[in-house]
Amino acid sequence: MKKVVTILLLLNVFFTIQAQDKKAKDLLDEVTTKVKSFENITIEFKYSLSNTKENVNQDSKGTVVMKGNQYHLNFMGVTKIFDGKKSYTINPEDEEVTISKVDASDENAITPSKMLTFFSTGYKYSMNILQDIKGRKIQYIKLIPISSKDQRKEILLGIDTQTKHIYNLIEVGKNGTKTTLTVNSFKTNLPLSKNQFTFDESKYKNYYINRID
């Protein structure tokens, strides 16, 4: 469950930035305009975590489908659905479903839906290096957390200069931990099932239903 929260945090940071550098702001404005024009977005991503000192290396893949403030996330065997009012976390390994209310207007709520919120507070940032990755020009923006209590040293956000889509996010912790979220597939306006963001409790009769509120 902690890793599910981690991926939500990364997805949230993935698209939340405070405009300070004009070139960075102009580029992010282009990304914002393009993303907001889509009816829905489907992303396949790779999540990597490494720490040389701790000899830790982990790789995982996941998918997230978003429409408005609704989302359907699959990551590390856990499914998380938000129908606009309630969040449903389905854990097959523990045969448990956790249901809780979510205030979508809460600025502190961590949801993939906030991937469409590009301007927030808490970072100093500027344009960084431009890299050629597999024939794609990726412009990086460097973000430095303002709070000294933040355990992240820096964040690099990579944007494809041609498509204006997010390519990846690299987060470096003060403890040496490096996490990378890379978009393997970015698709828009796909035909979605009418039940895409609906939780069907009848499918989980043998599960423990944990209703938090």
Protein backbone atom coordinates (compact mmCIF):
# COMPACT_ATOMS: atom_id res chain seq x y z
CA MET A 1 0.00 0.00 0.00
CA LYS A 2 2.91 2.38 0.73
CA LYS A 3 4.15 1.89 -2.83
CA VAL A 4 0.69 2.68 -4.20
CA VAL A 5 0.73 5.93 -2.23
CA THR A 6 4.27 6.56 -3.53
CA ILE A 7 3.19 6.20 -7.13
CA LEU A 8 0.26 8.55 -6.49
CA LEU A 9 2.68 11.07 -5.01
CA LEU A 10 4.93 10.77 -8.04
CA LEU A 11 2.02 11.09 -10.44
CA ASN A 12 0.86 14.13 -8.52
CA VAL A 13 4.31 15.76 -8.58
CA PHE A 14 4.56 14.69 -12.23
CA PHE A 15 2.20 17.46 -13.22
CA THR A 16 2.28 20.00 -10.36
CA ILE A 17 4.70 22.86 -10.79
CA GLN A 18 5.01 26.49 -9.78
CA ALA A 19 5.85 28.93 -12.55
CA GLN A 20 9.05 30.82 -11.79
CA ASP A 21 11.27 30.47 -14.86
CA LYS A 22 9.62 32.11 -17.90
CA LYS A 23 10.92 29.57 -20.44
CA ALA A 24 9.85 26.74 -18.16
CA LYS A 25 6.45 28.40 -17.64
CA ASP A 26 5.92 28.84 -21.39
CA LEU A 27 6.74 25.19 -22.03
CA LEU A 28 4.50 24.00 -19.20
CA ASP A 29 1.68 26.23 -20.43
CA GLU A 30 1.87 24.45 -23.79
CA VAL A 31 1.69 21.07 -22.06
CA THR A 32 -1.22 22.23 -19.91
CA THR A 33 -3.24 23.49 -22.86
CA LYS A 34 -2.70 20.27 -24.79
CA VAL A 35 -3.50 17.94 -21.90
CA LYS A 36 -6.68 19.80 -20.94
CA SER A 37 -8.01 19.38 -24.47
CA PHE A 38 -8.26 15.59 -24.06
CA GLU A 39 -11.48 13.91 -22.92
CA ASN A 40 -9.58 11.10 -21.27
CA ILE A 41 -5.97 9.93 -20.91
CA THR A 42 -4.50 6.44 -20.60
CA ILE A 43 -0.91 6.10 -19.43
CA GLU A 44 1.30 3.02 -19.18
CA PHE A 45 4.31 3.74 -17.00
CA LYS A 46 7.43 2.21 -15.52
CA TYR A 47 8.42 2.89 -11.92
CA SER A 48 12.02 2.35 -10.82
CA LEU A 49 13.57 2.75 -7.38
CA SER A 50 17.28 2.48 -6.58
CA ASN A 51 19.61 3.18 -3.67
CA THR A 52 23.27 2.26 -4.14
CA LYS A 53 24.11 2.41 -0.42
CA GLU A 54 21.22 0.14 0.50
CA ASN A 55 21.78 -2.06 -2.57
CA VAL A 56 18.13 -1.65 -3.55
CA ASN A 57 16.86 -1.91 -7.13
CA GLN A 58 13.17 -2.31 -7.94
CA ASP A 59 11.25 -2.03 -11.18
CA SER A 60 7.47 -2.11 -11.57
CA LYS A 61 4.95 -1.26 -14.26
CA GLY A 62 1.49 0.21 -14.02
CA THR A 63 -1.39 1.85 -15.87
CA VAL A 64 -3.72 4.70 -15.08
CA VAL A 65 -6.86 5.85 -16.90
CA MET A 66 -8.19 9.34 -16.15
CA LYS A 67 -11.29 11.28 -17.09
CA GLY A 68 -12.02 14.52 -15.31
CA ASN A 69 -11.33 13.84 -11.63
CA GLN A 70 -12.05 10.11 -11.99
CA TYR A 71 -9.29 7.54 -12.34
CA HIS A 72 -8.55 3.81 -12.49
CA LEU A 73 -5.03 2.89 -11.39
CA ASN A 74 -3.34 -0.54 -11.54
CA PHE A 75 0.03 -0.78 -9.81
CA MET A 76 1.92 -3.68 -8.20
CA GLY A 77 -1.11 -5.92 -8.17
CA VAL A 78 -3.33 -3.35 -6.45
CA THR A 79 -6.22 -1.57 -8.17
CA LYS A 80 -7.39 1.86 -7.04
CA ILE A 81 -10.60 3.38 -8.42
CA PHE A 82 -11.97 6.85 -7.77
CA ASP A 83 -15.49 7.47 -9.06
CA GLY A 84 -15.50 11.16 -8.21
CA LYS A 85 -16.75 10.73 -4.65
CA LYS A 86 -15.25 7.58 -3.16
CA SER A 87 -11.95 5.76 -3.47
CA TYR A 88 -11.84 1.96 -3.75
CA THR A 89 -8.53 0.17 -3.13
CA ILE A 90 -8.64 -3.48 -4.16
CA ASN A 91 -5.90 -5.74 -2.83
CA PRO A 92 -6.23 -9.32 -4.20
CA GLU A 93 -3.30 -10.62 -2.13
CA ASP A 94 -5.04 -9.74 1.13
CA GLU A 95 -8.53 -10.20 -0.34
CA GLU A 96 -9.47 -6.80 0.99
CA VAL A 97 -11.24 -3.74 -0.40
CA THR A 98 -10.85 -0.39 1.35
CA ILE A 99 -13.55 2.19 0.66
CA SER A 100 -13.16 5.81 1.70
CA LYS A 101 -14.57 9.21 0.84
CA VAL A 102 -12.28 11.64 -0.94
CA ASP A 103 -12.64 15.39 -1.07
CA ALA A 104 -11.50 16.07 -4.64
CA SER A 105 -11.27 19.79 -3.82
CA ASP A 106 -8.77 19.13 -1.03
CA GLU A 107 -5.43 20.55 -2.18
CA ASN A 108 -3.60 17.94 -0.09
CA ALA A 109 -5.51 14.98 -1.56
CA ILE A 110 -3.16 12.80 -3.61
CA THR A 111 -4.87 11.64 -6.79
CA PRO A 112 -3.74 11.01 -10.37
CA SER A 113 -6.46 13.45 -11.40
CA LYS A 114 -4.15 16.21 -10.21
CA MET A 115 -1.87 15.28 -13.09
CA LEU A 116 -3.86 17.95 -14.90
CA THR A 117 -2.94 20.61 -12.32
CA PHE A 118 0.27 22.09 -13.50
CA PHE A 119 0.87 24.97 -11.15
CA SER A 120 1.28 24.59 -7.44
CA THR A 121 3.55 25.85 -4.67
CA GLY A 122 6.55 24.48 -2.86
CA TYR A 123 9.27 24.42 -5.54
CA LYS A 124 11.94 26.59 -7.08
CA TYR A 125 12.63 25.48 -10.61
CA SER A 126 14.30 26.34 -13.88
CA MET A 127 15.10 24.97 -17.31
CA ASN A 128 17.73 22.23 -17.22
CA ILE A 129 19.47 20.08 -19.84
CA LEU A 130 18.12 19.11 -23.25
CA GLN A 131 18.73 15.43 -24.07
CA ASP A 132 18.31 13.29 -27.16
CA ILE A 133 16.65 10.06 -25.98
CA LYS A 134 15.95 7.49 -28.68
CA GLY A 135 15.52 10.24 -31.25
CA ARG A 136 13.30 12.36 -29.00
CA LYS A 137 14.31 15.79 -27.72
CA ILE A 138 13.60 15.80 -24.00
CA GLN A 139 13.77 19.12 -22.18
CA TYR A 140 14.26 18.79 -18.44
CA ILE A 141 12.99 21.18 -15.79
CA LYS A 142 14.73 21.07 -12.43
CA LEU A 143 12.60 21.46 -9.31
CA ILE A 144 14.04 22.16 -5.86
CA PRO A 145 11.68 21.79 -2.85
CA ILE A 146 11.46 25.03 -0.87
CA SER A 147 10.87 23.35 2.50
CA SER A 148 14.04 22.23 4.29
CA LYS A 149 11.96 19.41 5.82
CA ASP A 150 11.31 17.90 2.39
CA GLN A 151 13.27 14.66 2.04
CA ARG A 152 13.70 15.17 -1.69
CA LYS A 153 16.90 16.83 -2.87
CA GLU A 154 15.71 17.58 -6.38
CA ILE A 155 13.28 16.55 -9.10
CA LEU A 156 13.88 16.49 -12.85
CA LEU A 157 10.81 16.62 -15.08
CA GLY A 158 11.37 15.60 -18.71
CA ILE A 159 9.12 16.99 -21.46
CA ASP A 160 9.09 15.89 -25.10
CA THR A 161 9.63 19.17 -26.95
CA GLN A 162 7.76 17.97 -30.06
CA THR A 163 4.64 16.36 -28.59
CA LYS A 164 4.61 18.49 -25.41
CA HIS A 165 3.93 15.33 -23.42
CA ILE A 166 5.63 14.38 -20.15
CA TYR A 167 8.33 11.76 -20.82
CA ASN A 168 9.62 11.06 -17.32
CA LEU A 169 10.19 12.27 -13.79
CA ILE A 170 13.37 11.63 -11.81
CA GLU A 171 13.23 12.20 -8.06
CA VAL A 172 16.42 12.20 -5.96
CA GLY A 173 16.11 11.89 -2.20
CA LYS A 174 18.50 13.31 0.38
CA ASN A 175 19.15 9.74 1.51
CA GLY A 176 20.41 8.78 -1.96
CA THR A 177 17.22 7.06 -3.10
CA LYS A 178 16.39 7.68 -6.74
CA THR A 179 12.91 7.05 -8.14
CA THR A 180 12.04 7.35 -11.80
CA LEU A 181 8.62 7.41 -13.39
CA THR A 182 8.76 6.91 -17.16
CA VAL A 183 5.79 7.12 -19.52
CA ASN A 184 5.91 4.16 -21.89
CA SER A 185 2.60 4.94 -23.57
CA PHE A 186 0.43 8.06 -23.61
CA LYS A 187 -2.95 7.62 -25.31
CA THR A 188 -5.89 9.96 -25.43
CA ASN A 189 -9.63 9.91 -26.10
CA LEU A 190 -9.93 6.13 -26.13
CA PRO A 191 -13.39 4.50 -25.96
CA LEU A 192 -13.92 3.64 -22.29
CA SER A 193 -16.33 1.23 -20.68
CA LYS A 194 -19.27 2.93 -18.96
CA ASN A 195 -18.16 1.05 -15.83
CA GLN A 196 -14.51 2.13 -16.13
CA PHE A 197 -14.69 4.08 -12.87
CA THR A 198 -17.38 2.03 -11.13
CA PHE A 199 -16.74 -0.39 -8.27
CA ASP A 200 -18.88 -3.55 -8.45
CA GLU A 201 -19.00 -4.97 -4.93
CA SER A 202 -20.71 -8.17 -6.15
CA LYS A 203 -17.40 -9.23 -7.74
CA TYR A 204 -15.71 -9.31 -4.33
CA LYS A 205 -18.06 -11.38 -2.18
CA ASN A 206 -15.19 -13.25 -0.53
CA TYR A 207 -13.23 -10.08 0.23
CA TYR A 208 -13.17 -8.18 3.49
CA ILE A 209 -14.78 -4.80 2.85
CA ASN A 210 -13.12 -2.13 4.97
CA ARG A 211 -15.30 0.99 5.02
CA ILE A 212 -13.26 3.80 6.51
CA ASP A 213 -16.04 6.41 6.35
